[in-house]
C-alpha atoms as a PDB file:
ATOM      1  CA  MET A   1     -23.376 -12.525  16.906  1.00  0.00           C
ATOM      2  CA  GLU A   2     -21.984 -11.181  13.619  1.00  0.00           C
ATOM      3  CA  ASN A   3     -20.605  -7.658  13.751  1.00  0.00           C
ATOM      4  CA  PHE A   4     -22.999  -4.929  12.635  1.00  0.00           C
ATOM      5  CA  ASP A   5     -21.768  -2.845   9.670  1.00  0.00           C
ATOM      6  CA  ILE A   6     -22.593   0.501  11.217  1.00  0.00           C
ATOM      7  CA  ARG A   7     -20.974   2.747   8.579  1.00  0.00           C
ATOM      8  CA  SER A   8     -23.202   1.189   5.923  1.00  0.00           C
ATOM      9  CA  ALA A   9     -26.339   1.432   8.058  1.00  0.00           C
ATOM     10  CA  SER A  10     -29.277   3.808   7.690  1.00  0.00           C
ATOM     11  CA  LEU A  11     -30.611   5.701  10.692  1.00  0.00           C
ATOM     12  CA  ASP A  12     -33.514   3.270  11.020  1.00  0.00           C
ATOM     13  CA  GLU A  13     -31.118   0.319  10.968  1.00  0.00           C
ATOM     14  CA  ILE A  14     -28.977   1.929  13.680  1.00  0.00           C
ATOM     15  CA  LYS A  15     -32.105   2.508  15.741  1.00  0.00           C
ATOM     16  CA  GLY A  16     -32.907  -1.181  15.486  1.00  0.00           C
ATOM     17  CA  PHE A  17     -29.367  -2.080  16.453  1.00  0.00           C
ATOM     18  CA  VAL A  18     -29.109   0.151  19.530  1.00  0.00           C
ATOM     19  CA  THR A  19     -32.417  -1.085  20.889  1.00  0.00           C
ATOM     20  CA  SER A  20     -31.309  -4.682  20.297  1.00  0.00           C
ATOM     21  CA  ILE A  21     -28.331  -4.126  22.610  1.00  0.00           C
ATOM     22  CA  GLY A  22     -30.481  -2.484  25.263  1.00  0.00           C
ATOM     23  CA  GLU A  23     -29.616   1.154  24.599  1.00  0.00           C
ATOM     24  CA  LYS A  24     -31.955   4.141  24.399  1.00  0.00           C
ATOM     25  CA  LEU A  25     -33.323   5.034  20.972  1.00  0.00           C
ATOM     26  CA  TYR A  26     -31.973   8.609  20.907  1.00  0.00           C
ATOM     27  CA  ARG A  27     -28.430   7.236  20.931  1.00  0.00           C
ATOM     28  CA  ALA A  28     -28.953   6.140  17.328  1.00  0.00           C
ATOM     29  CA  GLU A  29     -29.211   9.728  16.086  1.00  0.00           C
ATOM     30  CA  GLN A  30     -26.055  10.670  17.962  1.00  0.00           C
ATOM     31  CA  ILE A  31     -24.143   7.732  16.478  1.00  0.00           C
ATOM     32  CA  PHE A  32     -25.503   8.345  12.965  1.00  0.00           C
ATOM     33  CA  GLY A  33     -24.414  11.978  13.156  1.00  0.00           C
ATOM     34  CA  TRP A  34     -20.925  11.133  14.345  1.00  0.00           C
ATOM     35  CA  ILE A  35     -20.410   8.624  11.546  1.00  0.00           C
ATOM     36  CA  ASN A  36     -22.191  10.324   8.655  1.00  0.00           C
ATOM     37  CA  GLN A  37     -21.773  14.022   9.446  1.00  0.00           C
ATOM     38  CA  ARG A  38     -18.407  14.102  11.150  1.00  0.00           C
ATOM     39  CA  GLY A  39     -16.972  10.968   9.545  1.00  0.00           C
ATOM     40  CA  ALA A  40     -15.827   9.466  12.851  1.00  0.00           C
ATOM     41  CA  ASN A  41     -13.532   6.451  12.559  1.00  0.00           C
ATOM     42  CA  SER A  42     -13.557   5.564  16.244  1.00  0.00           C
ATOM     43  CA  TYR A  43     -16.071   5.517  19.071  1.00  0.00           C
ATOM     44  CA  ASP A  44     -13.475   7.310  21.195  1.00  0.00           C
ATOM     45  CA  GLU A  45     -14.344  10.423  19.190  1.00  0.00           C
ATOM     46  CA  MET A  46     -17.981  10.228  20.327  1.00  0.00           C
ATOM     47  CA  THR A  47     -17.476  12.144  23.530  1.00  0.00           C
ATOM     48  CA  ASN A  48     -21.181  12.572  24.254  1.00  0.00           C
ATOM     49  CA  LEU A  49     -21.605   8.791  24.597  1.00  0.00           C
ATOM     50  CA  PRO A  50     -20.864   7.000  27.891  1.00  0.00           C
ATOM     51  CA  VAL A  51     -17.595   5.083  27.954  1.00  0.00           C
ATOM     52  CA  SER A  52     -19.469   1.832  28.611  1.00  0.00           C
ATOM     53  CA  LEU A  53     -21.562   2.349  25.464  1.00  0.00           C
ATOM     54  CA  ARG A  54     -18.511   3.189  23.391  1.00  0.00           C
ATOM     55  CA  GLU A  55     -16.815  -0.012  24.510  1.00  0.00           C
ATOM     56  CA  ASN A  56     -19.938  -2.046  23.763  1.00  0.00           C
ATOM     57  CA  LEU A  57     -20.251  -0.516  20.315  1.00  0.00           C
ATOM     58  CA  ALA A  58     -16.578  -1.101  19.521  1.00  0.00           C
ATOM     59  CA  SER A  59     -16.983  -4.809  20.259  1.00  0.00           C
ATOM     60  CA  LYS A  60     -20.250  -5.282  18.355  1.00  0.00           C
ATOM     61  CA  ALA A  61     -20.080  -2.744  15.518  1.00  0.00           C
ATOM     62  CA  PRO A  62     -16.512  -1.795  14.495  1.00  0.00           C
ATOM     63  CA  ILE A  63     -16.447   1.221  12.192  1.00  0.00           C
ATOM     64  CA  THR A  64     -15.219   0.569   8.674  1.00  0.00           C
ATOM     65  CA  HIS A  65     -12.286   2.847   7.898  1.00  0.00           C
ATOM     66  CA  ALA A  66      -9.863   3.656   5.106  1.00  0.00           C
ATOM     67  CA  GLU A  67      -6.145   3.611   5.926  1.00  0.00           C
ATOM     68  CA  CYS A  68      -4.031   5.723   3.587  1.00  0.00           C
ATOM     69  CA  VAL A  69      -0.917   3.804   2.570  1.00  0.00           C
ATOM     70  CA  ASN A  70       0.195   6.126  -0.214  1.00  0.00           C
ATOM     71  CA  LEU A  71      -0.555   9.671  -1.385  1.00  0.00           C
ATOM     72  CA  GLN A  72       0.578  11.211  -4.657  1.00  0.00           C
ATOM     73  CA  LYS A  73       0.146  14.839  -5.682  1.00  0.00           C
ATOM     74  CA  SER A  74       0.170  16.128  -9.252  1.00  0.00           C
ATOM     75  CA  SER A  75       2.848  18.623 -10.190  1.00  0.00           C
ATOM     76  CA  ASP A  76       0.274  21.367 -10.843  1.00  0.00           C
ATOM     77  CA  GLY A  77      -1.379  20.847  -7.458  1.00  0.00           C
ATOM     78  CA  SER A  78      -4.789  20.122  -8.954  1.00  0.00           C
ATOM     79  CA  THR A  79      -5.019  16.425  -8.124  1.00  0.00           C
ATOM     80  CA  ARG A  80      -4.316  14.034  -5.266  1.00  0.00           C
ATOM     81  CA  LYS A  81      -4.425  10.251  -5.579  1.00  0.00           C
ATOM     82  CA  TYR A  82      -4.836   8.169  -2.429  1.00  0.00           C
ATOM     83  CA  LEU A  83      -4.211   4.459  -2.113  1.00  0.00           C
ATOM     84  CA  TYR A  84      -6.412   3.174   0.695  1.00  0.00           C
ATOM     85  CA  LYS A  85      -6.426  -0.111   2.538  1.00  0.00           C
ATOM     86  CA  LEU A  86     -10.006  -0.785   3.588  1.00  0.00           C
ATOM     87  CA  HIS A  87     -10.684  -2.429   6.949  1.00  0.00           C
ATOM     88  CA  ASN A  88     -14.211  -3.739   7.401  1.00  0.00           C
ATOM     89  CA  ASN A  89     -15.300  -6.077  10.200  1.00  0.00           C
ATOM     90  CA  GLY A  90     -13.210  -9.054   9.151  1.00  0.00           C
ATOM     91  CA  ILE A  91     -14.119  -8.909   5.441  1.00  0.00           C
ATOM     92  CA  MET A  92     -11.064  -9.412   3.240  1.00  0.00           C
ATOM     93  CA  ASP A  93      -8.978  -6.225   3.313  1.00  0.00           C
ATOM     94  CA  VAL A  94      -8.571  -4.685  -0.135  1.00  0.00           C
ATOM     95  CA  TYR A  95      -6.786  -1.706  -1.667  1.00  0.00           C
ATOM     96  CA  VAL A  96      -8.522   0.949  -3.755  1.00  0.00           C
ATOM     97  CA  GLU A  97      -7.536   4.277  -5.272  1.00  0.00           C
ATOM     98  CA  THR A  98      -9.472   7.499  -4.697  1.00  0.00           C
ATOM     99  CA  VAL A  99      -8.865  10.821  -6.435  1.00  0.00           C
ATOM    100  CA  LEU A 100      -9.429  14.384  -5.248  1.00  0.00           C
ATOM    101  CA  MET A 101      -9.630  17.142  -7.852  1.00  0.00           C
ATOM    102  CA  THR A 102      -9.475  20.852  -7.101  1.00  0.00           C
ATOM    103  CA  TYR A 103     -11.488  23.300  -9.205  1.00  0.00           C
ATOM    104  CA  LYS A 104     -12.289  26.983  -8.888  1.00  0.00           C
ATOM    105  CA  HIS A 105     -15.759  26.048  -7.648  1.00  0.00           C
ATOM    106  CA  GLY A 106     -14.439  23.654  -4.984  1.00  0.00           C
ATOM    107  CA  TYR A 107     -13.463  20.043  -4.490  1.00  0.00           C
ATOM    108  CA  SER A 108     -14.615  16.958  -6.370  1.00  0.00           C
ATOM    109  CA  ILE A 109     -13.873  13.393  -5.328  1.00  0.00           C
ATOM    110  CA  CYS A 110     -13.763  10.288  -7.518  1.00  0.00           C
ATOM    111  CA  VAL A 111     -14.594   7.219  -5.414  1.00  0.00           C
ATOM    112  CA  SER A 112     -14.208   3.522  -6.208  1.00  0.00           C
ATOM    113  CA  THR A 113     -17.085   1.055  -5.814  1.00  0.00           C
ATOM    114  CA  GLN A 114     -15.177  -2.191  -6.399  1.00  0.00           C
ATOM    115  CA  ALA A 115     -11.695  -3.511  -5.782  1.00  0.00           C
ATOM    116  CA  GLY A 116     -10.791  -4.196  -9.379  1.00  0.00           C
ATOM    117  CA  CYS A 117     -13.401  -4.576 -12.111  1.00  0.00           C
ATOM    118  CA  ARG A 118     -14.806  -7.372 -14.244  1.00  0.00           C
ATOM    119  CA  MET A 119     -16.008  -5.275 -17.193  1.00  0.00           C
ATOM    120  CA  GLY A 120     -12.741  -5.619 -19.120  1.00  0.00           C
ATOM    121  CA  CYS A 121     -12.850  -2.372 -21.112  1.00  0.00           C
ATOM    122  CA  ASP A 122      -9.802  -2.525 -23.355  1.00  0.00           C
ATOM    123  CA  PHE A 123      -8.543   1.014 -22.678  1.00  0.00           C
ATOM    124  CA  CYS A 124      -8.858   0.870 -18.872  1.00  0.00           C
ATOM    125  CA  ALA A 125      -6.365  -0.290 -16.238  1.00  0.00           C
ATOM    126  CA  SER A 126      -8.927  -1.007 -13.511  1.00  0.00           C
ATOM    127  CA  GLY A 127      -9.972  -4.359 -14.925  1.00  0.00           C
ATOM    128  CA  ILE A 128      -6.549  -5.760 -15.808  1.00  0.00           C
ATOM    129  CA  ASP A 129      -6.426  -7.936 -12.679  1.00  0.00           C
ATOM    130  CA  GLY A 130     -10.153  -8.665 -12.658  1.00  0.00           C
ATOM    131  CA  LEU A 131     -12.614  -8.163  -9.818  1.00  0.00           C
ATOM    132  CA  MET A 132     -11.487  -8.874  -6.253  1.00  0.00           C
ATOM    133  CA  ARG A 133     -14.770  -7.961  -4.590  1.00  0.00           C
ATOM    134  CA  ASN A 134     -17.528  -5.388  -4.293  1.00  0.00           C
ATOM    135  CA  LEU A 135     -17.159  -2.604  -1.740  1.00  0.00           C
ATOM    136  CA  THR A 136     -19.816  -2.040   0.882  1.00  0.00           C
ATOM    137  CA  ALA A 137     -21.601   1.289   1.118  1.00  0.00           C
ATOM    138  CA  GLY A 138     -19.529   1.989   4.214  1.00  0.00           C
ATOM    139  CA  GLU A 139     -16.274   1.329   2.381  1.00  0.00           C
ATOM    140  CA  ILE A 140     -17.271   3.736  -0.389  1.00  0.00           C
ATOM    141  CA  ALA A 141     -18.229   6.339   2.211  1.00  0.00           C
ATOM    142  CA  ALA A 142     -14.987   5.758   4.125  1.00  0.00           C
ATOM    143  CA  GLN A 143     -13.057   7.043   1.093  1.00  0.00           C
ATOM    144  CA  TYR A 144     -15.054  10.278   1.114  1.00  0.00           C
ATOM    145  CA  TYR A 145     -14.533  10.911   4.822  1.00  0.00           C
ATOM    146  CA  ALA A 146     -10.851   9.983   4.764  1.00  0.00           C
ATOM    147  CA  VAL A 147     -10.102  12.495   1.997  1.00  0.00           C
ATOM    148  CA  SER A 148     -12.262  15.163   3.636  1.00  0.00           C
ATOM    149  CA  HIS A 149     -10.346  14.703   6.899  1.00  0.00           C
ATOM    150  CA  ASP A 150      -7.019  14.855   5.071  1.00  0.00           C
ATOM    151  CA  ILE A 151      -7.742  18.241   3.486  1.00  0.00           C
ATOM    152  CA  ASN A 152      -9.841  19.450   6.435  1.00  0.00           C
ATOM    153  CA  ALA A 153     -12.577  20.655   4.112  1.00  0.00           C
ATOM    154  CA  ARG A 154     -15.984  19.674   2.852  1.00  0.00           C
ATOM    155  CA  ILE A 155     -16.115  18.011  -0.553  1.00  0.00           C
ATOM    156  CA  GLY A 156     -19.182  19.168  -2.437  1.00  0.00           C
ATOM    157  CA  ASN A 157     -19.078  17.020  -5.579  1.00  0.00           C
ATOM    158  CA  ILE A 158     -18.859  13.241  -5.901  1.00  0.00           C
ATOM    159  CA  VAL A 159     -18.070  11.308  -9.066  1.00  0.00           C
ATOM    160  CA  ILE A 160     -18.699   7.582  -8.738  1.00  0.00           C
ATOM    161  CA  MET A 161     -16.221   6.787 -11.472  1.00  0.00           C
ATOM    162  CA  GLY A 162     -13.175   5.250  -9.752  1.00  0.00           C
ATOM    163  CA  SER A 163     -12.187   1.608 -10.116  1.00  0.00           C
ATOM    164  CA  GLY A 164     -15.100  -0.745 -10.624  1.00  0.00           C
ATOM    165  CA  GLU A 165     -18.489  -0.534 -12.306  1.00  0.00           C
ATOM    166  CA  PRO A 166     -20.978   1.156  -9.944  1.00  0.00           C
ATOM    167  CA  LEU A 167     -24.027  -0.504 -11.487  1.00  0.00           C
ATOM    168  CA  ASP A 168     -22.367  -3.919 -11.122  1.00  0.00           C
ATOM    169  CA  ASN A 169     -22.451  -3.169  -7.373  1.00  0.00           C
ATOM    170  CA  TYR A 170     -25.869  -1.559  -7.581  1.00  0.00           C
ATOM    171  CA  ASP A 171     -27.286  -2.062  -4.085  1.00  0.00           C
ATOM    172  CA  ASN A 172     -24.181  -0.845  -2.271  1.00  0.00           C
ATOM    173  CA  THR A 173     -23.813   2.110  -4.636  1.00  0.00           C
ATOM    174  CA  MET A 174     -27.419   3.181  -4.051  1.00  0.00           C
ATOM    175  CA  ARG A 175     -27.058   2.754  -0.293  1.00  0.00           C
ATOM    176  CA  PHE A 176     -23.907   4.905  -0.367  1.00  0.00           C
ATOM    177  CA  ILE A 177     -25.676   7.650  -2.341  1.00  0.00           C
ATOM    178  CA  LYS A 178     -28.563   7.761   0.102  1.00  0.00           C
ATOM    179  CA  LEU A 179     -26.198   7.869   3.082  1.00  0.00           C
ATOM    180  CA  ILE A 180     -23.900  10.562   1.693  1.00  0.00           C
ATOM    181  CA  SER A 181     -26.832  12.751   0.635  1.00  0.00           C
ATOM    182  CA  ASN A 182     -28.681  12.421   3.953  1.00  0.00           C
ATOM    183  CA  GLU A 183     -29.444  15.845   5.433  1.00  0.00           C
ATOM    184  CA  ASN A 184     -28.203  14.604   8.806  1.00  0.00           C
ATOM    185  CA  GLY A 185     -25.004  13.335   7.236  1.00  0.00           C
ATOM    186  CA  ALA A 186     -22.620  14.798   4.668  1.00  0.00           C
ATOM    187  CA  ASN A 187     -25.666  16.294   2.908  1.00  0.00           C
ATOM    188  CA  VAL A 188     -24.159  16.229  -0.595  1.00  0.00           C
ATOM    189  CA  GLY A 189     -26.929  17.244  -2.998  1.00  0.00           C
ATOM    190  CA  MET A 190     -28.076  14.661  -5.532  1.00  0.00           C
ATOM    191  CA  ARG A 191     -27.378  17.109  -8.362  1.00  0.00           C
ATOM    192  CA  HIS A 192     -23.742  17.113  -7.234  1.00  0.00           C
ATOM    193  CA  ILE A 193     -23.399  13.338  -7.563  1.00  0.00           C
ATOM    194  CA  THR A 194     -22.509  11.627 -10.848  1.00  0.00           C
ATOM    195  CA  VAL A 195     -22.834   7.885 -11.424  1.00  0.00           C
ATOM    196  CA  SER A 196     -20.778   6.472 -14.283  1.00  0.00           C
ATOM    197  CA  THR A 197     -21.513   3.200 -16.064  1.00  0.00           C
ATOM    198  CA  CYS A 198     -20.145   1.301 -19.041  1.00  0.00           C
ATOM    199  CA  GLY A 199     -23.751   0.539 -19.967  1.00  0.00           C
ATOM    200  CA  ILE A 200     -25.520  -2.152 -17.918  1.00  0.00           C
ATOM    201  CA  VAL A 201     -28.906  -1.494 -19.479  1.00  0.00           C
ATOM    202  CA  PRO A 202     -31.261  -3.197 -16.961  1.00  0.00           C
ATOM    203  CA  ARG A 203     -29.620  -1.263 -14.121  1.00  0.00           C
ATOM    204  CA  ILE A 204     -30.142   2.022 -15.951  1.00  0.00           C
ATOM    205  CA  TYR A 205     -33.862   1.273 -15.912  1.00  0.00           C
ATOM    206  CA  ASP A 206     -33.569   0.449 -12.208  1.00  0.00           C
ATOM    207  CA  LEU A 207     -31.940   3.830 -11.730  1.00  0.00           C
ATOM    208  CA  VAL A 208     -34.902   5.486 -13.458  1.00  0.00           C
ATOM    209  CA  THR A 209     -37.241   3.997 -10.842  1.00  0.00           C
ATOM    210  CA  GLU A 210     -35.096   5.427  -8.027  1.00  0.00           C
ATOM    211  CA  ASN A 211     -36.215   8.890  -9.203  1.00  0.00           C
ATOM    212  CA  LEU A 212     -33.055  10.555  -7.934  1.00  0.00           C
ATOM    213  CA  GLN A 213     -31.688  13.782  -9.403  1.00  0.00           C
ATOM    214  CA  LEU A 214     -28.335  12.223 -10.187  1.00  0.00           C
ATOM    215  CA  THR A 215     -26.231  12.864 -13.257  1.00  0.00           C
ATOM    216  CA  LEU A 216     -25.861   9.662 -15.253  1.00  0.00           C
ATOM    217  CA  ALA A 217     -22.569   9.376 -17.151  1.00  0.00           C
ATOM    218  CA  ILE A 218     -22.335   6.739 -19.870  1.00  0.00           C
ATOM    219  CA  SER A 219     -18.921   5.505 -20.955  1.00  0.00           C
ATOM    220  CA  LEU A 220     -19.823   5.381 -24.650  1.00  0.00           C
ATOM    221  CA  ASN A 221     -16.526   5.717 -26.542  1.00  0.00           C
ATOM    222  CA  ALA A 222     -17.866   4.754 -29.961  1.00  0.00           C
ATOM    223  CA  PRO A 223     -20.584   5.777 -32.425  1.00  0.00           C
ATOM    224  CA  ASN A 224     -21.588   2.204 -33.315  1.00  0.00           C
ATOM    225  CA  ASP A 225     -21.544  -1.437 -32.232  1.00  0.00           C
ATOM    226  CA  GLN A 226     -18.627  -2.422 -34.443  1.00  0.00           C
ATOM    227  CA  ILE A 227     -16.140  -0.135 -32.676  1.00  0.00           C
ATOM    228  CA  ARG A 228     -17.761  -0.351 -29.244  1.00  0.00           C
ATOM    229  CA  ARG A 229     -17.617  -4.160 -29.123  1.00  0.00           C
ATOM    230  CA  LYS A 230     -13.881  -4.073 -29.794  1.00  0.00           C
ATOM    231  CA  LEU A 231     -13.334  -1.665 -26.910  1.00  0.00           C
ATOM    232  CA  MET A 232     -15.976  -2.751 -24.405  1.00  0.00           C
ATOM    233  CA  PRO A 233     -17.141  -6.342 -23.801  1.00  0.00           C
ATOM    234  CA  ILE A 234     -20.421  -5.085 -22.296  1.00  0.00           C
ATOM    235  CA  ALA A 235     -21.413  -3.951 -25.798  1.00  0.00           C
ATOM    236  CA  ARG A 236     -21.623  -7.600 -26.852  1.00  0.00           C
ATOM    237  CA  LYS A 237     -24.469  -8.052 -24.368  1.00  0.00           C
ATOM    238  CA  TYR A 238     -26.314  -4.755 -24.784  1.00  0.00           C
ATOM    239  CA  ASP A 239     -26.124  -3.194 -28.218  1.00  0.00           C
ATOM    240  CA  PHE A 240     -25.827   0.483 -29.028  1.00  0.00           C
ATOM    241  CA  ASP A 241     -29.530   0.999 -29.727  1.00  0.00           C
ATOM    242  CA  GLU A 242     -30.574  -0.717 -26.470  1.00  0.00           C
ATOM    243  CA  LEU A 243     -28.226   1.514 -24.509  1.00  0.00           C
ATOM    244  CA  ILE A 244     -29.315   4.733 -26.198  1.00  0.00           C
ATOM    245  CA  THR A 245     -32.993   3.854 -25.672  1.00  0.00           C
ATOM    246  CA  ALA A 246     -32.372   3.365 -21.945  1.00  0.00           C
ATOM    247  CA  CYS A 247     -30.517   6.676 -21.795  1.00  0.00           C
ATOM    248  CA  LYS A 248     -33.395   8.433 -23.526  1.00  0.00           C
ATOM    249  CA  VAL A 249     -35.815   7.065 -20.916  1.00  0.00           C
ATOM    250  CA  TYR A 250     -33.528   8.353 -18.156  1.00  0.00           C
ATOM    251  CA  ALA A 251     -33.198  11.771 -19.818  1.00  0.00           C
ATOM    252  CA  ASP A 252     -36.957  11.998 -20.371  1.00  0.00           C
ATOM    253  CA  GLY A 253     -37.269  12.108 -16.582  1.00  0.00           C
ATOM    254  CA  GLY A 254     -35.713  15.574 -16.721  1.00  0.00           C
ATOM    255  CA  ARG A 255     -32.144  14.521 -15.970  1.00  0.00           C
ATOM    256  CA  ARG A 256     -29.479  15.205 -18.561  1.00  0.00           C
ATOM    257  CA  VAL A 257     -27.228  12.306 -19.555  1.00  0.00           C
ATOM    258  CA  SER A 258     -23.491  12.798 -19.991  1.00  0.00           C
ATOM    259  CA  PHE A 259     -21.820  10.681 -22.669  1.00  0.00           C
ATOM    260  CA  GLU A 260     -18.139  10.105 -21.950  1.00  0.00           C
ATOM    261  CA  TYR A 261     -16.066   9.542 -25.086  1.00  0.00           C
ATOM    262  CA  VAL A 262     -12.399   8.549 -24.783  1.00  0.00           C
ATOM    263  CA  MET A 263     -10.564   9.745 -27.882  1.00  0.00           C
ATOM    264  CA  ILE A 264      -8.257   7.016 -29.212  1.00  0.00           C
ATOM    265  CA  ASP A 265      -6.003   7.694 -32.169  1.00  0.00           C
ATOM    266  CA  GLY A 266      -7.153   5.894 -35.310  1.00  0.00           C
ATOM    267  CA  VAL A 267      -9.872   3.935 -33.502  1.00  0.00           C
ATOM    268  CA  ASN A 268     -12.865   6.195 -32.856  1.00  0.00           C
ATOM    269  CA  ASP A 269     -11.755   9.739 -33.699  1.00  0.00           C
ATOM    270  CA  SER A 270     -12.444  10.257 -37.402  1.00  0.00           C
ATOM    271  CA  GLU A 271     -14.669  12.894 -38.952  1.00  0.00           C
ATOM    272  CA  GLY A 272     -17.044  10.100 -39.958  1.00  0.00           C
ATOM    273  CA  ASN A 273     -17.154   8.836 -36.365  1.00  0.00           C
ATOM    274  CA  ALA A 274     -18.074  12.317 -35.153  1.00  0.00           C
ATOM    275  CA  LYS A 275     -20.872  12.713 -37.700  1.00  0.00           C
ATOM    276  CA  GLU A 276     -22.274   9.269 -36.908  1.00  0.00           C
ATOM    277  CA  LEU A 277     -22.186   9.989 -33.178  1.00  0.00           C
ATOM    278  CA  ALA A 278     -23.954  13.311 -33.679  1.00  0.00           C
ATOM    279  CA  ARG A 279     -26.665  11.623 -35.719  1.00  0.00           C
ATOM    280  CA  ARG A 280     -27.272   8.771 -33.280  1.00  0.00           C
ATOM    281  CA  LEU A 281     -27.641  11.053 -30.264  1.00  0.00           C
ATOM    282  CA  ILE A 282     -30.266  13.326 -31.812  1.00  0.00           C
ATOM    283  CA  GLY A 283     -33.277  13.818 -29.582  1.00  0.00           C
ATOM    284  CA  ILE A 284     -31.603  13.026 -26.255  1.00  0.00           C
ATOM    285  CA  ASN A 285     -31.111  15.633 -23.529  1.00  0.00           C
ATOM    286  CA  CYS A 286     -27.385  15.025 -23.238  1.00  0.00           C
ATOM    287  CA  HIS A 287     -23.906  16.442 -23.046  1.00  0.00           C
ATOM    288  CA  ILE A 288     -20.859  14.890 -24.703  1.00  0.00           C
ATOM    289  CA  ASN A 289     -17.593  14.924 -22.814  1.00  0.00           C
ATOM    290  CA  LEU A 290     -14.499  14.216 -24.922  1.00  0.00           C
ATOM    291  CA  ILE A 291     -11.651  12.677 -22.951  1.00  0.00           C
ATOM    292  CA  THR A 292      -8.045  12.309 -24.015  1.00  0.00           C
ATOM    293  CA  ALA A 293      -7.042   8.636 -23.874  1.00  0.00           C
ATOM    294  CA  ASN A 294      -4.542   8.150 -21.081  1.00  0.00           C
ATOM    295  CA  LYS A 295      -1.433   6.016 -21.222  1.00  0.00           C
ATOM    296  CA  ILE A 296      -1.688   2.504 -19.796  1.00  0.00           C
ATOM    297  CA  PRO A 297       1.533   0.467 -20.100  1.00  0.00           C
ATOM    298  CA  GLU A 298      -0.233  -2.831 -20.860  1.00  0.00           C
ATOM    299  CA  LYS A 299      -2.328  -1.317 -23.656  1.00  0.00           C
ATOM    300  CA  GLY A 300      -1.208  -0.193 -27.083  1.00  0.00           C
ATOM    301  CA  TYR A 301      -3.580   2.688 -27.606  1.00  0.00           C
ATOM    302  CA  ASN A 302      -2.461   6.248 -28.248  1.00  0.00           C
ATOM    303  CA  LYS A 303      -4.357   9.438 -27.576  1.00  0.00           C
ATOM    304  CA  SER A 304      -5.833  11.489 -30.384  1.00  0.00           C
ATOM    305  CA  SER A 305      -4.061  14.727 -31.222  1.00  0.00           C
ATOM    306  CA  ALA A 306      -5.353  18.009 -29.843  1.00  0.00           C
ATOM    307  CA  ALA A 307      -6.259  19.083 -33.375  1.00  0.00           C
ATOM    308  CA  THR A 308      -8.243  15.897 -33.997  1.00  0.00           C
ATOM    309  CA  ILE A 309     -10.142  16.288 -30.729  1.00  0.00           C
ATOM    310  CA  ALA A 310     -10.915  19.933 -31.505  1.00  0.00           C
ATOM    311  CA  ALA A 311     -12.212  19.015 -34.973  1.00  0.00           C
ATOM    312  CA  PHE A 312     -14.338  16.206 -33.510  1.00  0.00           C
ATOM    313  CA  ALA A 313     -15.803  18.635 -30.958  1.00  0.00           C
ATOM    314  CA  GLU A 314     -16.576  21.196 -33.665  1.00  0.00           C
ATOM    315  CA  ILE A 315     -18.616  18.682 -35.652  1.00  0.00           C
ATOM    316  CA  LEU A 316     -20.648  17.775 -32.574  1.00  0.00           C
ATOM    317  CA  ASP A 317     -21.140  21.416 -31.668  1.00  0.00           C
ATOM    318  CA  LYS A 318     -22.342  22.366 -35.137  1.00  0.00           C
ATOM    319  CA  SER A 319     -24.779  19.449 -34.954  1.00  0.00           C
ATOM    320  CA  GLY A 320     -26.411  21.076 -31.952  1.00  0.00           C
ATOM    321  CA  HIS A 321     -24.924  18.927 -29.213  1.00  0.00           C
ATOM    322  CA  GLY A 322     -23.413  20.327 -26.034  1.00  0.00           C
ATOM    323  CA  VAL A 323     -19.791  19.245 -25.974  1.00  0.00           C
ATOM    324  CA  THR A 324     -16.721  19.835 -23.821  1.00  0.00           C
ATOM    325  CA  ILE A 325     -13.152  18.618 -23.936  1.00  0.00           C
ATOM    326  CA  ARG A 326     -12.233  17.392 -20.483  1.00  0.00           C
ATOM    327  CA  ARG A 327      -9.312  19.170 -18.895  1.00  0.00           C
ATOM    328  CA  GLU A 328      -6.403  16.785 -18.344  1.00  0.00           C
ATOM    329  CA  MET A 329      -5.761  16.361 -14.616  1.00  0.00           C
ATOM    330  CA  GLY A 330      -3.556  13.957 -12.704  1.00  0.00           C
ATOM    331  CA  THR A 331      -1.997  12.210 -15.685  1.00  0.00           C
ATOM    332  CA  ASP A 332       1.492  12.563 -14.197  1.00  0.00           C
ATOM    333  CA  ILE A 333       0.421  10.467 -11.175  1.00  0.00           C
ATOM    334  CA  SER A 334      -1.775   8.014 -13.138  1.00  0.00           C
ATOM    335  CA  ALA A 335      -4.907   9.484 -11.576  1.00  0.00           C
ATOM    336  CA  ALA A 336      -6.770  10.297 -14.787  1.00  0.00           C
ATOM    337  CA  CYS A 337      -9.622   8.525 -16.551  1.00  0.00           C
ATOM    338  CA  GLY A 338      -8.900   4.815 -17.070  1.00  0.00           C
ATOM    339  CA  GLN A 339      -5.692   4.811 -15.025  1.00  0.00           C
ATOM    340  CA  LEU A 340      -6.927   3.788 -11.570  1.00  0.00           C
ATOM    341  CA  ARG A 341      -5.950   0.318 -10.427  1.00  0.00           C
ATOM    342  CA  ASN A 342      -4.822  -1.796  -7.487  1.00  0.00           C
ATOM    343  CA  GLU A 343      -1.169  -0.774  -7.089  1.00  0.00           C
ATOM    344  CA  GLN A 344      -0.276  -1.972  -3.612  1.00  0.00           C
ATOM    345  CA  LYS A 345       2.410  -4.334  -4.893  1.00  0.00           C
ATOM    346  CA  ASP A 346       4.294  -1.368  -6.309  1.00  0.00           C
ATOM    347  CA  THR A 347       3.751   0.813  -3.262  1.00  0.00           C
ATOM    348  CA  LEU A 348       4.181  -1.210  -0.090  1.00  0.00           C
END
């Protein structure tokens, strides 16, 4: 019998599993709570279960867990970057990076959904080595619980924006969201979860049908197809107008869309670019988040100057768009936007 992936399982699935091994149904709620509320990594922690049951569970349903093999802390204390080795029931072990950010309002975690990435965005380190494999819902959740245990605190905000494209691993990403938001689990509110995508249009429509109060973040980075196709291969499959139409449908459901815009010197940061962007986003309930391009050794891009970014933001603001300039966090430990990657060769 193949091992049961219990950290990825819903309560109903755990109920089916415990009855299949001859256990009483109420045990499922106990197990679900231990895994999804307390983040247990071992059945030994489940002290209200009989030893015989714990041993049976350990043999049939090992708990996916994240082993921290490296931790870096930013000099200002705002950011931690974890390198985790994921262990999951005999599936190929992989390494992923997870980032914790500290704000005045609390903690926010940036989780990875894939080991590597196949999207190939030209300003991002995550896809340099390609895609190794998708993560299971349990492996995504394991990152959350491992960081929470490390800081001994609840993490109230989740950004699904680490390495990988969440909508390229749609089913596991959705399963993770439903597990982590479960009222009998971590109970993270949907409005405190952000899903980021480079723009897989059909999956955005799928997300609309989920009818979840998530924040959708679109990695836009250009005001037109000409620039976007140079930066992002996905733009050669779904053009700018297709993407914006899908975003409008999502926003029309009452959920604001966040457009992420990485500011790259001489590429997408001119006054004309700002005016074109402002014009093309008219009529969408959205917010524009300007992000300083971060240094990636293999890439030749440079960040826009602070003055250029401020001028770009002013044009958008005067056009009636909500706009912010993202605070730089974790750049000194390569934990900022576009810098996450598989670095185990450099670490171990």
